[in-house]
Amino acid sequence: MKKLATAFAACMLAGLVSAQVESQNIVGYQTFEGLVSGGVYLIGDQFALVGGGSTVVPIASLTNGTLKAGSNVSSGDNLQTWDPSIKAYVTYFYRTGYGWVNSTNNTVVTTDTVDLRNGVFLRKKLTAGSLTFSGEVYGRTSVTNDNLVSGGVYLFANPWPVDVPVASLTNGTLKAGSNVSSGDNLQTWDSSAKAYVTYFYRTGYGWVNSTNNTVVTSDVIPAGQAFFFRKKLSAGSLILNRSF
């Protein structure tokens, strides 16, 4: 469903990666392709603005790919982000001649942004197509999602163009428990099974698949995929570390 190409990946294949190139910008692009008409996709952006050094990307810049424009939210492609300040989703649609428009007030977006740490929903309307993210690979080795409240549900994303092992997500203030109801939960989308996979943070074991109750070893959050995180019974934080 996705195609990924980065200068970093090319260097890895050629054996040219060196710690001495940290000062150089690593740029690339990622295309989510094969998106079907009517499909709903849970995705994340792995590329910041070149030279920006920030996790924030303007929504107005997300115009690359085969997007379907329309006159309203029912005919143009939709993008949904979570606004923690109002605790609600904000829906944008791709409007003919204007670009991304806020569906609530029908205004063209200029300052609205998407954070690389957060996932977004893309809803394809009436036609198949693709969406391309491009820019600079986020340079920090870790990101912290903090101030997570007890009982809260969050839509996060893998902010790097490489897979992140689920088993590595052990940093932060996580709540362990004996089952899926008492330990923090993480949900990812399994594209092959077309279903969500739920993990819980089990006391003494780490992340465990809630279906078969096995400790995860090879499960990953793929590059370009968002995931749900559910805080159970206590407040805390979640820290993601990159694997390159």
C-alpha atoms as a PDB file:
ATOM      1  CA  MET A   1       0.000   0.000   0.000  1.00  0.00           C
ATOM      2  CA  LYS A   2       2.926   2.328   0.453  1.00  0.00           C
ATOM      3  CA  LYS A   3       6.170   3.146  -1.279  1.00  0.00           C
ATOM      4  CA  LEU A   4       9.071   4.602   0.646  1.00  0.00           C
ATOM      5  CA  ALA A   5      12.299   6.099  -0.636  1.00  0.00           C
ATOM      6  CA  THR A   6      14.793   8.155   1.348  1.00  0.00           C
ATOM      7  CA  ALA A   7      18.358   9.244   0.873  1.00  0.00           C
ATOM      8  CA  PHE A   8      19.067   7.474   4.161  1.00  0.00           C
ATOM      9  CA  ALA A   9      17.664   4.170   2.907  1.00  0.00           C
ATOM     10  CA  ALA A  10      19.775   4.438  -0.222  1.00  0.00           C
ATOM     11  CA  CYS A  11      22.874   4.967   1.908  1.00  0.00           C
ATOM     12  CA  MET A  12      22.046   1.935   4.030  1.00  0.00           C
ATOM     13  CA  LEU A  13      21.839  -0.285   0.965  1.00  0.00           C
ATOM     14  CA  ALA A  14      25.147   1.067  -0.270  1.00  0.00           C
ATOM     15  CA  GLY A  15      26.814   0.705   3.132  1.00  0.00           C
ATOM     16  CA  LEU A  16      27.501   4.437   3.307  1.00  0.00           C
ATOM     17  CA  VAL A  17      25.853   5.343   6.599  1.00  0.00           C
ATOM     18  CA  SER A  18      28.204   7.053   9.031  1.00  0.00           C
ATOM     19  CA  ALA A  19      27.780   8.843  12.334  1.00  0.00           C
ATOM     20  CA  GLN A  20      29.734  11.698  10.775  1.00  0.00           C
ATOM     21  CA  VAL A  21      26.848  12.711   8.525  1.00  0.00           C
ATOM     22  CA  GLU A  22      24.470  13.702  11.326  1.00  0.00           C
ATOM     23  CA  SER A  23      24.644  17.369  10.379  1.00  0.00           C
ATOM     24  CA  GLN A  24      23.299  16.746   6.905  1.00  0.00           C
ATOM     25  CA  ASN A  25      19.584  16.823   6.168  1.00  0.00           C
ATOM     26  CA  ILE A  26      18.166  13.427   5.215  1.00  0.00           C
ATOM     27  CA  VAL A  27      15.344  14.055   2.780  1.00  0.00           C
ATOM     28  CA  GLY A  28      12.942  11.736   1.035  1.00  0.00           C
ATOM     29  CA  TYR A  29       9.324  10.941   0.327  1.00  0.00           C
ATOM     30  CA  GLN A  30       6.685   8.367   1.101  1.00  0.00           C
ATOM     31  CA  THR A  31       3.710   7.531  -1.110  1.00  0.00           C
ATOM     32  CA  PHE A  32       0.599   5.800   0.129  1.00  0.00           C
ATOM     33  CA  GLU A  33      -0.668   4.301  -3.095  1.00  0.00           C
ATOM     34  CA  GLY A  34      -3.403   1.915  -4.140  1.00  0.00           C
ATOM     35  CA  LEU A  35      -5.915   3.814  -2.010  1.00  0.00           C
ATOM     36  CA  VAL A  36      -9.366   2.667  -3.084  1.00  0.00           C
ATOM     37  CA  SER A  37     -12.507   4.728  -3.531  1.00  0.00           C
ATOM     38  CA  GLY A  38     -14.367   4.907  -0.238  1.00  0.00           C
ATOM     39  CA  GLY A  39     -11.390   3.597   1.737  1.00  0.00           C
ATOM     40  CA  VAL A  40     -10.476   4.873   5.201  1.00  0.00           C
ATOM     41  CA  TYR A  41      -6.782   4.831   6.134  1.00  0.00           C
ATOM     42  CA  LEU A  42      -4.992   5.385   9.442  1.00  0.00           C
ATOM     43  CA  ILE A  43      -1.645   6.917   8.534  1.00  0.00           C
ATOM     44  CA  GLY A  44       1.196   9.090   9.787  1.00  0.00           C
ATOM     45  CA  ASP A  45       3.599  11.580   8.227  1.00  0.00           C
ATOM     46  CA  GLN A  46       7.313  10.769   8.639  1.00  0.00           C
ATOM     47  CA  PHE A  47       8.718  13.921   7.060  1.00  0.00           C
ATOM     48  CA  ALA A  48       9.152  17.363   8.590  1.00  0.00           C
ATOM     49  CA  LEU A  49       9.684  20.595   6.684  1.00  0.00           C
ATOM     50  CA  VAL A  50      13.233  20.747   5.339  1.00  0.00           C
ATOM     51  CA  GLY A  51      15.385  22.720   7.759  1.00  0.00           C
ATOM     52  CA  GLY A  52      12.506  23.192  10.160  1.00  0.00           C
ATOM     53  CA  GLY A  53      13.610  20.899  12.980  1.00  0.00           C
ATOM     54  CA  SER A  54      10.018  20.663  14.164  1.00  0.00           C
ATOM     55  CA  THR A  55       7.415  17.909  14.439  1.00  0.00           C
ATOM     56  CA  VAL A  56       4.731  20.212  13.014  1.00  0.00           C
ATOM     57  CA  VAL A  57       3.738  20.138   9.321  1.00  0.00           C
ATOM     58  CA  PRO A  58       1.172  22.516   7.710  1.00  0.00           C
ATOM     59  CA  ILE A  59      -1.931  20.698   6.451  1.00  0.00           C
ATOM     60  CA  ALA A  60      -1.998  23.059   3.483  1.00  0.00           C
ATOM     61  CA  SER A  61       1.284  21.497   2.283  1.00  0.00           C
ATOM     62  CA  LEU A  62      -0.200  17.992   1.963  1.00  0.00           C
ATOM     63  CA  THR A  63      -1.141  18.309  -1.693  1.00  0.00           C
ATOM     64  CA  ASN A  64       1.065  15.727  -3.404  1.00  0.00           C
ATOM     65  CA  GLY A  65      -0.388  12.530  -4.814  1.00  0.00           C
ATOM     66  CA  THR A  66      -3.634  11.735  -6.610  1.00  0.00           C
ATOM     67  CA  LEU A  67      -6.156  13.587  -4.466  1.00  0.00           C
ATOM     68  CA  LYS A  68      -9.862  13.897  -5.299  1.00  0.00           C
ATOM     69  CA  ALA A  69     -11.139  17.462  -5.119  1.00  0.00           C
ATOM     70  CA  GLY A  70     -14.799  18.278  -4.662  1.00  0.00           C
ATOM     71  CA  SER A  71     -17.204  21.054  -3.756  1.00  0.00           C
ATOM     72  CA  ASN A  72     -18.017  19.711  -0.275  1.00  0.00           C
ATOM     73  CA  VAL A  73     -17.051  17.182   2.386  1.00  0.00           C
ATOM     74  CA  SER A  74     -19.013  14.442   0.625  1.00  0.00           C
ATOM     75  CA  SER A  75     -17.234  14.728  -2.734  1.00  0.00           C
ATOM     76  CA  GLY A  76     -13.662  15.752  -1.878  1.00  0.00           C
ATOM     77  CA  ASP A  77     -11.096  13.598  -0.078  1.00  0.00           C
ATOM     78  CA  ASN A  78     -11.228  13.977   3.707  1.00  0.00           C
ATOM     79  CA  LEU A  79      -8.487  14.358   6.291  1.00  0.00           C
ATOM     80  CA  GLN A  80      -9.280  14.035  10.008  1.00  0.00           C
ATOM     81  CA  THR A  81      -7.005  15.093  12.856  1.00  0.00           C
ATOM     82  CA  TRP A  82      -7.510  15.010  16.614  1.00  0.00           C
ATOM     83  CA  ASP A  83      -7.593  18.401  18.365  1.00  0.00           C
ATOM     84  CA  PRO A  84      -6.701  17.803  22.033  1.00  0.00           C
ATOM     85  CA  SER A  85      -7.733  21.344  23.002  1.00  0.00           C
ATOM     86  CA  ILE A  86     -11.381  20.706  22.092  1.00  0.00           C
ATOM     87  CA  LYS A  87     -11.189  16.909  22.494  1.00  0.00           C
ATOM     88  CA  ALA A  88     -12.727  16.296  19.091  1.00  0.00           C
ATOM     89  CA  TYR A  89     -11.785  15.422  15.513  1.00  0.00           C
ATOM     90  CA  VAL A  90     -11.401  18.211  12.975  1.00  0.00           C
ATOM     91  CA  THR A  91     -12.384  17.286   9.430  1.00  0.00           C
ATOM     92  CA  TYR A  92     -10.916  18.876   6.299  1.00  0.00           C
ATOM     93  CA  PHE A  93     -11.900  18.236   2.694  1.00  0.00           C
ATOM     94  CA  TYR A  94      -9.936  18.794  -0.484  1.00  0.00           C
ATOM     95  CA  ARG A  95     -11.899  21.523  -2.281  1.00  0.00           C
ATOM     96  CA  THR A  96     -11.716  22.218  -5.999  1.00  0.00           C
ATOM     97  CA  GLY A  97      -9.586  25.324  -6.630  1.00  0.00           C
ATOM     98  CA  TYR A  98      -8.730  25.861  -2.967  1.00  0.00           C
ATOM     99  CA  GLY A  99      -6.961  22.884  -1.439  1.00  0.00           C
ATOM    100  CA  TRP A 100      -7.671  21.720   2.118  1.00  0.00           C
ATOM    101  CA  VAL A 101     -10.695  23.400   3.706  1.00  0.00           C
ATOM    102  CA  ASN A 102     -12.047  23.129   7.253  1.00  0.00           C
ATOM    103  CA  SER A 103     -15.428  21.438   6.899  1.00  0.00           C
ATOM    104  CA  THR A 104     -16.905  23.190   9.953  1.00  0.00           C
ATOM    105  CA  ASN A 105     -16.423  26.798   8.895  1.00  0.00           C
ATOM    106  CA  ASN A 106     -15.628  26.201   5.202  1.00  0.00           C
ATOM    107  CA  THR A 107     -12.400  28.233   5.388  1.00  0.00           C
ATOM    108  CA  VAL A 108      -9.177  27.465   3.551  1.00  0.00           C
ATOM    109  CA  VAL A 109      -6.542  26.234   6.013  1.00  0.00           C
ATOM    110  CA  THR A 110      -3.501  28.443   6.473  1.00  0.00           C
ATOM    111  CA  THR A 111      -2.245  27.845  10.018  1.00  0.00           C
ATOM    112  CA  ASP A 112      -3.668  24.371  10.794  1.00  0.00           C
ATOM    113  CA  THR A 113      -0.986  21.746  11.294  1.00  0.00           C
ATOM    114  CA  VAL A 114      -0.435  18.048  11.806  1.00  0.00           C
ATOM    115  CA  ASP A 115       2.119  16.819  14.336  1.00  0.00           C
ATOM    116  CA  LEU A 116       4.407  13.992  13.206  1.00  0.00           C
ATOM    117  CA  ARG A 117       3.724  12.298  16.541  1.00  0.00           C
ATOM    118  CA  ASN A 118      -0.008  12.094  15.813  1.00  0.00           C
ATOM    119  CA  GLY A 119      -1.912   9.929  13.358  1.00  0.00           C
ATOM    120  CA  VAL A 120      -4.513  11.105  10.851  1.00  0.00           C
ATOM    121  CA  PHE A 121      -7.435   9.504   9.058  1.00  0.00           C
ATOM    122  CA  LEU A 122      -7.532   9.807   5.265  1.00  0.00           C
ATOM    123  CA  ARG A 123     -10.872   9.063   3.606  1.00  0.00           C
ATOM    124  CA  LYS A 124     -10.814   8.585  -0.159  1.00  0.00           C
ATOM    125  CA  LYS A 125     -13.939   9.890  -1.852  1.00  0.00           C
ATOM    126  CA  LEU A 126     -15.376   8.545  -5.115  1.00  0.00           C
ATOM    127  CA  THR A 127     -12.040   7.790  -6.795  1.00  0.00           C
ATOM    128  CA  ALA A 128      -8.912   5.778  -6.075  1.00  0.00           C
ATOM    129  CA  GLY A 129      -5.610   7.600  -5.666  1.00  0.00           C
ATOM    130  CA  SER A 130      -2.567   8.249  -3.505  1.00  0.00           C
ATOM    131  CA  LEU A 131      -1.060  10.661  -0.996  1.00  0.00           C
ATOM    132  CA  THR A 132       2.621  11.569  -0.828  1.00  0.00           C
ATOM    133  CA  PHE A 133       4.499  12.988   2.153  1.00  0.00           C
ATOM    134  CA  SER A 134       7.922  14.503   1.545  1.00  0.00           C
ATOM    135  CA  GLY A 135      10.545  16.512   3.372  1.00  0.00           C
ATOM    136  CA  GLU A 136      13.250  15.973   5.953  1.00  0.00           C
ATOM    137  CA  VAL A 137      13.496  12.887   8.159  1.00  0.00           C
ATOM    138  CA  TYR A 138      12.807  13.891  11.766  1.00  0.00           C
ATOM    139  CA  GLY A 139      16.259  14.009  13.341  1.00  0.00           C
ATOM    140  CA  ARG A 140      15.597  13.396  17.014  1.00  0.00           C
ATOM    141  CA  THR A 141      16.264   9.937  18.412  1.00  0.00           C
ATOM    142  CA  SER A 142      13.106   9.876  20.530  1.00  0.00           C
ATOM    143  CA  VAL A 143       9.753  11.589  20.928  1.00  0.00           C
ATOM    144  CA  THR A 144       7.744  11.900  24.123  1.00  0.00           C
ATOM    145  CA  ASN A 145       3.972  11.876  24.293  1.00  0.00           C
ATOM    146  CA  ASP A 146       3.252  13.140  27.792  1.00  0.00           C
ATOM    147  CA  ASN A 147       0.410  14.437  29.965  1.00  0.00           C
ATOM    148  CA  LEU A 148      -1.620  11.343  29.103  1.00  0.00           C
ATOM    149  CA  VAL A 149      -4.617  11.082  31.411  1.00  0.00           C
ATOM    150  CA  SER A 150      -6.082   7.963  32.989  1.00  0.00           C
ATOM    151  CA  GLY A 151      -8.685   6.461  30.647  1.00  0.00           C
ATOM    152  CA  GLY A 152      -7.547   8.593  27.715  1.00  0.00           C
ATOM    153  CA  VAL A 153      -7.458   7.328  24.123  1.00  0.00           C
ATOM    154  CA  TYR A 154      -4.775   8.807  21.855  1.00  0.00           C
ATOM    155  CA  LEU A 155      -3.979   8.595  18.161  1.00  0.00           C
ATOM    156  CA  PHE A 156      -0.201   8.536  17.772  1.00  0.00           C
ATOM    157  CA  ALA A 157       2.094   7.768  14.833  1.00  0.00           C
ATOM    158  CA  ASN A 158       5.507   6.368  14.102  1.00  0.00           C
ATOM    159  CA  PRO A 159       7.404   9.611  13.269  1.00  0.00           C
ATOM    160  CA  TRP A 160      10.257   7.960  11.355  1.00  0.00           C
ATOM    161  CA  PRO A 161      10.386   6.227   7.916  1.00  0.00           C
ATOM    162  CA  VAL A 162      11.404   2.890   9.476  1.00  0.00           C
ATOM    163  CA  ASP A 163       9.478   0.253  11.413  1.00  0.00           C
ATOM    164  CA  VAL A 164       9.423   0.584  15.208  1.00  0.00           C
ATOM    165  CA  PRO A 165       9.282  -2.684  17.210  1.00  0.00           C
ATOM    166  CA  VAL A 166       6.292  -2.870  19.543  1.00  0.00           C
ATOM    167  CA  ALA A 167       8.501  -4.552  22.161  1.00  0.00           C
ATOM    168  CA  SER A 168      10.716  -1.447  22.259  1.00  0.00           C
ATOM    169  CA  LEU A 169       7.912   0.803  23.513  1.00  0.00           C
ATOM    170  CA  THR A 170       8.816   0.425  27.171  1.00  0.00           C
ATOM    171  CA  ASN A 171       9.925   3.961  27.982  1.00  0.00           C
ATOM    172  CA  GLY A 172       7.715   6.491  29.697  1.00  0.00           C
ATOM    173  CA  THR A 173       5.255   6.093  32.543  1.00  0.00           C
ATOM    174  CA  LEU A 174       3.412   2.948  31.471  1.00  0.00           C
ATOM    175  CA  LYS A 175       0.765   1.135  33.518  1.00  0.00           C
ATOM    176  CA  ALA A 176       1.290  -2.624  33.662  1.00  0.00           C
ATOM    177  CA  GLY A 177      -1.496  -5.036  34.504  1.00  0.00           C
ATOM    178  CA  SER A 178      -2.485  -8.703  34.445  1.00  0.00           C
ATOM    179  CA  ASN A 179      -4.912  -8.336  31.513  1.00  0.00           C
ATOM    180  CA  VAL A 180      -6.158  -6.052  28.752  1.00  0.00           C
ATOM    181  CA  SER A 181      -8.466  -4.235  31.169  1.00  0.00           C
ATOM    182  CA  SER A 182      -5.776  -3.227  33.660  1.00  0.00           C
ATOM    183  CA  GLY A 183      -2.631  -2.682  31.574  1.00  0.00           C
ATOM    184  CA  ASP A 184      -2.086   0.122  29.037  1.00  0.00           C
ATOM    185  CA  ASN A 185      -3.307  -0.825  25.538  1.00  0.00           C
ATOM    186  CA  LEU A 186      -1.831  -0.325  22.091  1.00  0.00           C
ATOM    187  CA  GLN A 187      -3.796  -1.006  18.901  1.00  0.00           C
ATOM    188  CA  THR A 188      -2.319  -1.336  15.413  1.00  0.00           C
ATOM    189  CA  TRP A 189      -3.934  -2.133  12.074  1.00  0.00           C
ATOM    190  CA  ASP A 190      -3.044  -5.484  10.497  1.00  0.00           C
ATOM    191  CA  SER A 191      -3.463  -4.873   6.765  1.00  0.00           C
ATOM    192  CA  SER A 192      -3.226  -8.587   5.918  1.00  0.00           C
ATOM    193  CA  ALA A 193      -5.967  -9.598   8.362  1.00  0.00           C
ATOM    194  CA  LYS A 194      -7.871  -6.324   7.873  1.00  0.00           C
ATOM    195  CA  ALA A 195      -8.384  -6.021  11.603  1.00  0.00           C
ATOM    196  CA  TYR A 196      -6.923  -4.255  14.625  1.00  0.00           C
ATOM    197  CA  VAL A 197      -4.416  -6.071  16.821  1.00  0.00           C
ATOM    198  CA  THR A 198      -4.554  -5.157  20.515  1.00  0.00           C
ATOM    199  CA  TYR A 199      -1.601  -5.419  22.875  1.00  0.00           C
ATOM    200  CA  PHE A 200      -1.540  -4.770  26.613  1.00  0.00           C
ATOM    201  CA  TYR A 201       1.374  -3.956  28.888  1.00  0.00           C
ATOM    202  CA  ARG A 202       1.615  -6.971  31.163  1.00  0.00           C
ATOM    203  CA  THR A 203       3.290  -7.003  34.563  1.00  0.00           C
ATOM    204  CA  GLY A 204       6.655  -8.738  34.328  1.00  0.00           C
ATOM    205  CA  TYR A 205       6.470  -9.340  30.567  1.00  0.00           C
ATOM    206  CA  GLY A 206       6.049  -6.107  28.617  1.00  0.00           C
ATOM    207  CA  TRP A 207       3.773  -5.905  25.572  1.00  0.00           C
ATOM    208  CA  VAL A 208       1.573  -8.970  25.082  1.00  0.00           C
ATOM    209  CA  ASN A 209      -0.825  -9.821  22.232  1.00  0.00           C
ATOM    210  CA  SER A 210      -4.279  -9.818  23.821  1.00  0.00           C
ATOM    211  CA  THR A 211      -5.644 -12.468  21.433  1.00  0.00           C
ATOM    212  CA  ASN A 212      -3.169 -15.262  22.114  1.00  0.00           C
ATOM    213  CA  ASN A 213      -1.589 -13.841  25.293  1.00  0.00           C
ATOM    214  CA  THR A 214       1.938 -14.197  23.895  1.00  0.00           C
ATOM    215  CA  VAL A 215       4.811 -11.780  24.495  1.00  0.00           C
ATOM    216  CA  VAL A 216       5.579  -9.813  21.322  1.00  0.00           C
ATOM    217  CA  THR A 217       8.999 -10.268  19.734  1.00  0.00           C
ATOM    218  CA  SER A 218       8.736  -9.424  16.029  1.00  0.00           C
ATOM    219  CA  ASP A 219       5.582  -7.245  15.850  1.00  0.00           C
ATOM    220  CA  VAL A 220       6.208  -3.701  14.588  1.00  0.00           C
ATOM    221  CA  ILE A 221       4.518  -0.387  13.980  1.00  0.00           C
ATOM    222  CA  PRO A 222       5.303   0.042  10.274  1.00  0.00           C
ATOM    223  CA  ALA A 223       6.660   3.230   8.775  1.00  0.00           C
ATOM    224  CA  GLY A 224       3.715   5.360   7.813  1.00  0.00           C
ATOM    225  CA  GLN A 225       1.250   3.806  10.234  1.00  0.00           C
ATOM    226  CA  ALA A 226      -0.570   5.393  13.124  1.00  0.00           C
ATOM    227  CA  PHE A 227      -1.800   3.560  16.194  1.00  0.00           C
ATOM    228  CA  PHE A 228      -4.170   3.977  19.116  1.00  0.00           C
ATOM    229  CA  PHE A 229      -2.835   4.178  22.664  1.00  0.00           C
ATOM    230  CA  ARG A 230      -5.181   3.721  25.628  1.00  0.00           C
ATOM    231  CA  LYS A 231      -4.109   4.745  29.132  1.00  0.00           C
ATOM    232  CA  LYS A 232      -5.488   2.442  31.807  1.00  0.00           C
ATOM    233  CA  LEU A 233      -6.180   3.443  35.415  1.00  0.00           C
ATOM    234  CA  SER A 234      -3.304   5.902  35.750  1.00  0.00           C
ATOM    235  CA  ALA A 235      -1.852   8.963  34.014  1.00  0.00           C
ATOM    236  CA  GLY A 236       1.563   8.809  32.367  1.00  0.00           C
ATOM    237  CA  SER A 237       3.561   9.108  29.149  1.00  0.00           C
ATOM    238  CA  LEU A 238       4.796   7.097  26.164  1.00  0.00           C
ATOM    239  CA  ILE A 239       8.242   7.521  24.606  1.00  0.00           C
ATOM    240  CA  LEU A 240       9.139   6.243  21.134  1.00  0.00           C
ATOM    241  CA  ASN A 241      12.759   5.622  20.187  1.00  0.00           C
ATOM    242  CA  ARG A 242      13.948   5.340  16.601  1.00  0.00           C
ATOM    243  CA  SER A 243      15.721   2.174  15.495  1.00  0.00           C
ATOM    244  CA  PHE A 244      18.383   3.703  13.204  1.00  0.00           C
END
